[in-house]
């Protein structure tokens, strides 16, 4: 039994796949966070610009 566990522990054939999965998950997570931050700020900018344009009353 210990020999089987030792063989499993020493086998590194899937280590690169695990690394890629972790890196991909981190990139997707950071992209999602960045999207929501940019979305909130751009909505605030649109509201401010719309208010400034509506306040001009030049039409």
PDB file of N, CA and C in Angstrom:
ATOM      1  N   UNK A   1       0.822  -1.195   0.000  1.00  0.00           N
ATOM      2  CA  UNK A   1       0.000   0.000   0.000  1.00  0.00           C
ATOM      3  C   UNK A   1       0.870   1.264   0.000  1.00  0.00           C
ATOM      4  N   UNK A   2       1.917   1.239   0.825  1.00  0.00           N
ATOM      5  CA  UNK A   2       2.798   2.403   0.882  1.00  0.00           C
ATOM      6  C   UNK A   2       3.542   2.616  -0.431  1.00  0.00           C
ATOM      7  N   UNK A   3       3.870   1.524  -1.109  1.00  0.00           N
ATOM      8  CA  UNK A   3       4.545   1.632  -2.402  1.00  0.00           C
ATOM      9  C   UNK A   3       3.629   2.314  -3.424  1.00  0.00           C
ATOM     10  N   UNK A   4       2.338   1.986  -3.404  1.00  0.00           N
ATOM     11  CA  UNK A   4       1.375   2.603  -4.317  1.00  0.00           C
ATOM     12  C   UNK A   4       1.250   4.105  -4.038  1.00  0.00           C
ATOM     13  N   UNK A   5       1.171   4.483  -2.781  1.00  0.00           N
ATOM     14  CA  UNK A   5       1.086   5.903  -2.424  1.00  0.00           C
ATOM     15  C   UNK A   5       2.359   6.654  -2.792  1.00  0.00           C
ATOM     16  N   UNK A   6       3.504   6.009  -2.603  1.00  0.00           N
ATOM     17  CA  UNK A   6       4.768   6.647  -2.953  1.00  0.00           C
ATOM     18  C   UNK A   6       4.867   6.842  -4.467  1.00  0.00           C
ATOM     19  N   UNK A   7       4.436   5.849  -5.232  1.00  0.00           N
ATOM     20  CA  UNK A   7       4.443   5.964  -6.690  1.00  0.00           C
ATOM     21  C   UNK A   7       3.502   7.085  -7.148  1.00  0.00           C
ATOM     22  N   UNK A   8       2.328   7.172  -6.535  1.00  0.00           N
ATOM     23  CA  UNK A   8       1.374   8.227  -6.873  1.00  0.00           C
ATOM     24  C   UNK A   8       1.938   9.608  -6.547  1.00  0.00           C
ATOM     25  N   UNK A   9       2.584   9.730  -5.410  1.00  0.00           N
ATOM     26  CA  UNK A   9       3.163  11.009  -4.991  1.00  0.00           C
ATOM     27  C   UNK A   9       4.288  11.456  -5.921  1.00  0.00           C
ATOM     28  N   UNK A  10       5.088  10.527  -6.375  1.00  0.00           N
ATOM     29  CA  UNK A  10       6.244  10.858  -7.203  1.00  0.00           C
ATOM     30  C   UNK A  10       5.899  11.054  -8.678  1.00  0.00           C
ATOM     31  N   UNK A  11       4.706  10.665  -9.099  1.00  0.00           N
ATOM     32  CA  UNK A  11       4.309  10.794 -10.504  1.00  0.00           C
ATOM     33  C   UNK A  11       3.936  12.251 -10.774  1.00  0.00           C
ATOM     34  N   UNK A  12       4.628  12.896 -11.712  1.00  0.00           N
ATOM     35  CA  UNK A  12       4.389  14.315 -12.014  1.00  0.00           C
ATOM     36  C   UNK A  12       3.862  14.524 -13.427  1.00  0.00           C
ATOM     37  N   UNK A  13       3.272  13.506 -14.015  1.00  0.00           N
ATOM     38  CA  UNK A  13       2.846  13.609 -15.415  1.00  0.00           C
ATOM     39  C   UNK A  13       1.700  14.592 -15.606  1.00  0.00           C
ATOM     40  N   UNK A  14       0.879  14.841 -14.604  1.00  0.00           N
ATOM     41  CA  UNK A  14      -0.243  15.763 -14.757  1.00  0.00           C
ATOM     42  C   UNK A  14       0.001  17.122 -14.136  1.00  0.00           C
ATOM     43  N   UNK A  15       1.216  17.389 -13.693  1.00  0.00           N
ATOM     44  CA  UNK A  15       1.500  18.639 -12.988  1.00  0.00           C
ATOM     45  C   UNK A  15       1.347  19.852 -13.899  1.00  0.00           C
ATOM     46  N   UNK A  16       1.725  19.725 -15.162  1.00  0.00           N
ATOM     47  CA  UNK A  16       1.621  20.852 -16.082  1.00  0.00           C
ATOM     48  C   UNK A  16       0.159  21.185 -16.339  1.00  0.00           C
ATOM     49  N   UNK A  17      -0.681  20.162 -16.436  1.00  0.00           N
ATOM     50  CA  UNK A  17      -2.111  20.390 -16.638  1.00  0.00           C
ATOM     51  C   UNK A  17      -2.711  21.133 -15.458  1.00  0.00           C
ATOM     52  N   UNK A  18      -2.342  20.753 -14.263  1.00  0.00           N
ATOM     53  CA  UNK A  18      -2.839  21.434 -13.062  1.00  0.00           C
ATOM     54  C   UNK A  18      -2.376  22.880 -13.049  1.00  0.00           C
ATOM     55  N   UNK A  19      -1.141  23.129 -13.423  1.00  0.00           N
ATOM     56  CA  UNK A  19      -0.631  24.502 -13.480  1.00  0.00           C
ATOM     57  C   UNK A  19      -1.439  25.342 -14.456  1.00  0.00           C
ATOM     58  N   UNK A  20      -1.713  24.799 -15.641  1.00  0.00           N
ATOM     59  CA  UNK A  20      -2.483  25.550 -16.636  1.00  0.00           C
ATOM     60  C   UNK A  20      -3.905  25.823 -16.169  1.00  0.00           C
ATOM     61  N   UNK A  21      -4.514  24.882 -15.491  1.00  0.00           N
ATOM     62  CA  UNK A  21      -5.871  25.085 -14.972  1.00  0.00           C
ATOM     63  C   UNK A  21      -5.874  26.202 -13.933  1.00  0.00           C
ATOM     64  N   UNK A  22      -4.895  26.212 -13.052  1.00  0.00           N
ATOM     65  CA  UNK A  22      -4.823  27.248 -12.014  1.00  0.00           C
ATOM     66  C   UNK A  22      -4.543  28.616 -12.639  1.00  0.00           C
ATOM     67  N   UNK A  23      -3.627  28.685 -13.589  1.00  0.00           N
ATOM     68  CA  UNK A  23      -3.314  29.959 -14.243  1.00  0.00           C
ATOM     69  C   UNK A  23      -4.524  30.479 -15.013  1.00  0.00           C
ATOM     70  N   UNK A  24      -5.217  29.589 -15.728  1.00  0.00           N
ATOM     71  CA  UNK A  24      -6.399  29.998 -16.483  1.00  0.00           C
ATOM     72  C   UNK A  24      -7.505  30.497 -15.560  1.00  0.00           C
ATOM     73  N   UNK A  25      -7.716  29.820 -14.452  1.00  0.00           N
ATOM     74  CA  UNK A  25      -8.729  30.256 -13.489  1.00  0.00           C
ATOM     75  C   UNK A  25      -8.378  31.618 -12.904  1.00  0.00           C
ATOM     76  N   UNK A  26      -7.111  31.858 -12.633  1.00  0.00           N
ATOM     77  CA  UNK A  26      -6.692  33.156 -12.100  1.00  0.00           C
ATOM     78  C   UNK A  26      -6.912  34.266 -13.126  1.00  0.00           C
ATOM     79  N   UNK A  27      -6.590  34.005 -14.385  1.00  0.00           N
ATOM     80  CA  UNK A  27      -6.782  35.017 -15.431  1.00  0.00           C
ATOM     81  C   UNK A  27      -8.268  35.324 -15.618  1.00  0.00           C
ATOM     82  N   UNK A  28      -9.104  34.299 -15.625  1.00  0.00           N
ATOM     83  CA  UNK A  28     -10.548  34.508 -15.771  1.00  0.00           C
ATOM     84  C   UNK A  28     -11.099  35.281 -14.578  1.00  0.00           C
ATOM     85  N   UNK A  29     -10.655  34.951 -13.389  1.00  0.00           N
ATOM     86  CA  UNK A  29     -11.116  35.664 -12.199  1.00  0.00           C
ATOM     87  C   UNK A  29     -10.713  37.127 -12.200  1.00  0.00           C
ATOM     88  N   UNK A  30      -9.472  37.408 -12.573  1.00  0.00           N
ATOM     89  CA  UNK A  30      -9.028  38.803 -12.631  1.00  0.00           C
ATOM     90  C   UNK A  30      -9.746  39.572 -13.735  1.00  0.00           C
ATOM     91  N   UNK A  31     -10.036  38.908 -14.828  1.00  0.00           N
ATOM     92  CA  UNK A  31     -10.767  39.563 -15.912  1.00  0.00           C
ATOM     93  C   UNK A  31     -12.185  39.918 -15.476  1.00  0.00           C
ATOM     94  N   UNK A  32     -12.832  39.023 -14.760  1.00  0.00           N
ATOM     95  CA  UNK A  32     -14.183  39.294 -14.278  1.00  0.00           C
ATOM     96  C   UNK A  32     -14.193  40.458 -13.297  1.00  0.00           C
ATOM     97  N   UNK A  33     -13.241  40.492 -12.390  1.00  0.00           N
ATOM     98  CA  UNK A  33     -13.161  41.593 -11.428  1.00  0.00           C
ATOM     99  C   UNK A  33     -12.904  42.911 -12.151  1.00  0.00           C
ATOM    100  N   UNK A  34     -11.987  42.900 -13.109  1.00  0.00           N
ATOM    101  CA  UNK A  34     -11.691  44.111 -13.864  1.00  0.00           C
ATOM    102  C   UNK A  34     -12.908  44.592 -14.644  1.00  0.00           C
ATOM    103  N   UNK A  35     -13.650  43.663 -15.236  1.00  0.00           N
ATOM    104  CA  UNK A  35     -14.844  44.035 -15.999  1.00  0.00           C
ATOM    105  C   UNK A  35     -15.839  44.762 -15.111  1.00  0.00           C
ATOM    106  N   UNK A  36     -16.098  44.243 -13.913  1.00  0.00           N
ATOM    107  CA  UNK A  36     -17.095  44.870 -13.045  1.00  0.00           C
ATOM    108  C   UNK A  36     -16.627  46.229 -12.539  1.00  0.00           C
ATOM    109  N   UNK A  37     -15.341  46.407 -12.288  1.00  0.00           N
ATOM    110  CA  UNK A  37     -14.819  47.712 -11.865  1.00  0.00           C
ATOM    111  C   UNK A  37     -14.960  48.723 -12.992  1.00  0.00           C
ATOM    112  N   UNK A  38     -14.584  48.330 -14.196  1.00  0.00           N
ATOM    113  CA  UNK A  38     -14.688  49.232 -15.344  1.00  0.00           C
ATOM    114  C   UNK A  38     -16.146  49.546 -15.639  1.00  0.00           C
ATOM    115  N   UNK A  39     -17.034  48.550 -15.517  1.00  0.00           N
ATOM    116  CA  UNK A  39     -18.455  48.774 -15.786  1.00  0.00           C
ATOM    117  C   UNK A  39     -19.046  49.799 -14.815  1.00  0.00           C
ATOM    118  N   UNK A  40     -18.734  49.672 -13.530  1.00  0.00           N
ATOM    119  CA  UNK A  40     -19.248  50.609 -12.536  1.00  0.00           C
ATOM    120  C   UNK A  40     -18.751  52.028 -12.806  1.00  0.00           C
ATOM    121  N   UNK A  41     -17.464  52.164 -13.104  1.00  0.00           N
ATOM    122  CA  UNK A  41     -16.915  53.494 -13.352  1.00  0.00           C
ATOM    123  C   UNK A  41     -17.453  54.102 -14.640  1.00  0.00           C
ATOM    124  N   UNK A  42     -17.648  53.298 -15.671  1.00  0.00           N
ATOM    125  CA  UNK A  42     -18.161  53.846 -16.921  1.00  0.00           C
ATOM    126  C   UNK A  42     -19.632  54.229 -16.776  1.00  0.00           C
ATOM    127  N   UNK A  43     -20.401  53.501 -15.974  1.00  0.00           N
ATOM    128  CA  UNK A  43     -21.790  53.904 -15.730  1.00  0.00           C
ATOM    129  C   UNK A  43     -21.847  55.236 -14.985  1.00  0.00           C
ATOM    130  N   UNK A  44     -20.967  55.431 -14.032  1.00  0.00           N
ATOM    131  CA  UNK A  44     -20.915  56.700 -13.313  1.00  0.00           C
ATOM    132  C   UNK A  44     -20.516  57.830 -14.254  1.00  0.00           C
ATOM    133  N   UNK A  45     -19.580  57.590 -15.160  1.00  0.00           N
ATOM    134  CA  UNK A  45     -19.162  58.595 -16.123  1.00  0.00           C
ATOM    135  C   UNK A  45     -20.297  58.948 -17.080  1.00  0.00           C
ATOM    136  N   UNK A  46     -21.042  57.933 -17.533  1.00  0.00           N
ATOM    137  CA  UNK A  46     -22.176  58.202 -18.429  1.00  0.00           C
ATOM    138  C   UNK A  46     -23.244  59.031 -17.731  1.00  0.00           C
ATOM    139  N   UNK A  47     -23.493  58.741 -16.467  1.00  0.00           N
ATOM    140  CA  UNK A  47     -24.480  59.507 -15.710  1.00  0.00           C
ATOM    141  C   UNK A  47     -24.039  60.958 -15.550  1.00  0.00           C
ATOM    142  N   UNK A  48     -22.772  61.169 -15.248  1.00  0.00           N
ATOM    143  CA  UNK A  48     -22.251  62.526 -15.095  1.00  0.00           C
ATOM    144  C   UNK A  48     -22.284  63.288 -16.412  1.00  0.00           C
ATOM    145  N   UNK A  49     -21.891  62.637 -17.477  1.00  0.00           N
ATOM    146  CA  UNK A  49     -21.901  63.298 -18.787  1.00  0.00           C
ATOM    147  C   UNK A  49     -23.317  63.609 -19.217  1.00  0.00           C
ATOM    148  N   UNK A  50     -24.249  62.692 -18.988  1.00  0.00           N
ATOM    149  CA  UNK A  50     -25.647  62.942 -19.334  1.00  0.00           C
ATOM    150  C   UNK A  50     -26.225  64.092 -18.544  1.00  0.00           C
ATOM    151  N   UNK A  51     -25.885  64.190 -17.271  1.00  0.00           N
ATOM    152  CA  UNK A  51     -26.356  65.296 -16.439  1.00  0.00           C
ATOM    153  C   UNK A  51     -25.777  66.626 -16.892  1.00  0.00           C
ATOM    154  N   UNK A  52     -24.504  66.632 -17.281  1.00  0.00           N
ATOM    155  CA  UNK A  52     -23.877  67.870 -17.746  1.00  0.00           C
ATOM    156  C   UNK A  52     -24.479  68.322 -19.070  1.00  0.00           C
ATOM    157  N   UNK A  53     -24.747  67.393 -19.950  1.00  0.00           N
ATOM    158  CA  UNK A  53     -25.349  67.752 -21.239  1.00  0.00           C
ATOM    159  C   UNK A  53     -26.766  68.239 -21.051  1.00  0.00           C
ATOM    160  N   UNK A  54     -27.536  67.584 -20.185  1.00  0.00           N
ATOM    161  CA  UNK A  54     -28.912  67.998 -19.935  1.00  0.00           C
ATOM    162  C   UNK A  54     -28.964  69.367 -19.255  1.00  0.00           C
ATOM    163  N   UNK A  55     -27.934  69.721 -18.493  1.00  0.00           N
ATOM    164  CA  UNK A  55     -27.938  70.995 -17.785  1.00  0.00           C
ATOM    165  C   UNK A  55     -27.606  72.168 -18.704  1.00  0.00           C
ATOM    166  N   UNK A  56     -27.086  71.934 -19.873  1.00  0.00           N
ATOM    167  CA  UNK A  56     -26.711  73.015 -20.789  1.00  0.00           C
ATOM    168  C   UNK A  56     -27.923  73.770 -21.325  1.00  0.00           C
ATOM    169  N   UNK A  57     -28.977  73.081 -21.662  1.00  0.00           N
ATOM    170  CA  UNK A  57     -30.218  73.701 -22.181  1.00  0.00           C
ATOM    171  C   UNK A  57     -29.968  74.625 -23.359  1.00  0.00           C
ATOM    172  N   UNK A  58     -29.102  74.228 -24.282  1.00  0.00           N
ATOM    173  CA  UNK A  58     -28.810  75.040 -25.457  1.00  0.00           C
ATOM    174  C   UNK A  58     -29.699  74.691 -26.648  1.00  0.00           C
ATOM    175  N   UNK A  59     -30.577  73.779 -26.499  1.00  0.00           N
ATOM    176  CA  UNK A  59     -31.362  73.362 -27.644  1.00  0.00           C
ATOM    177  C   UNK A  59     -32.668  74.019 -27.669  1.00  0.00           C
TER     178      UNK A  59
END
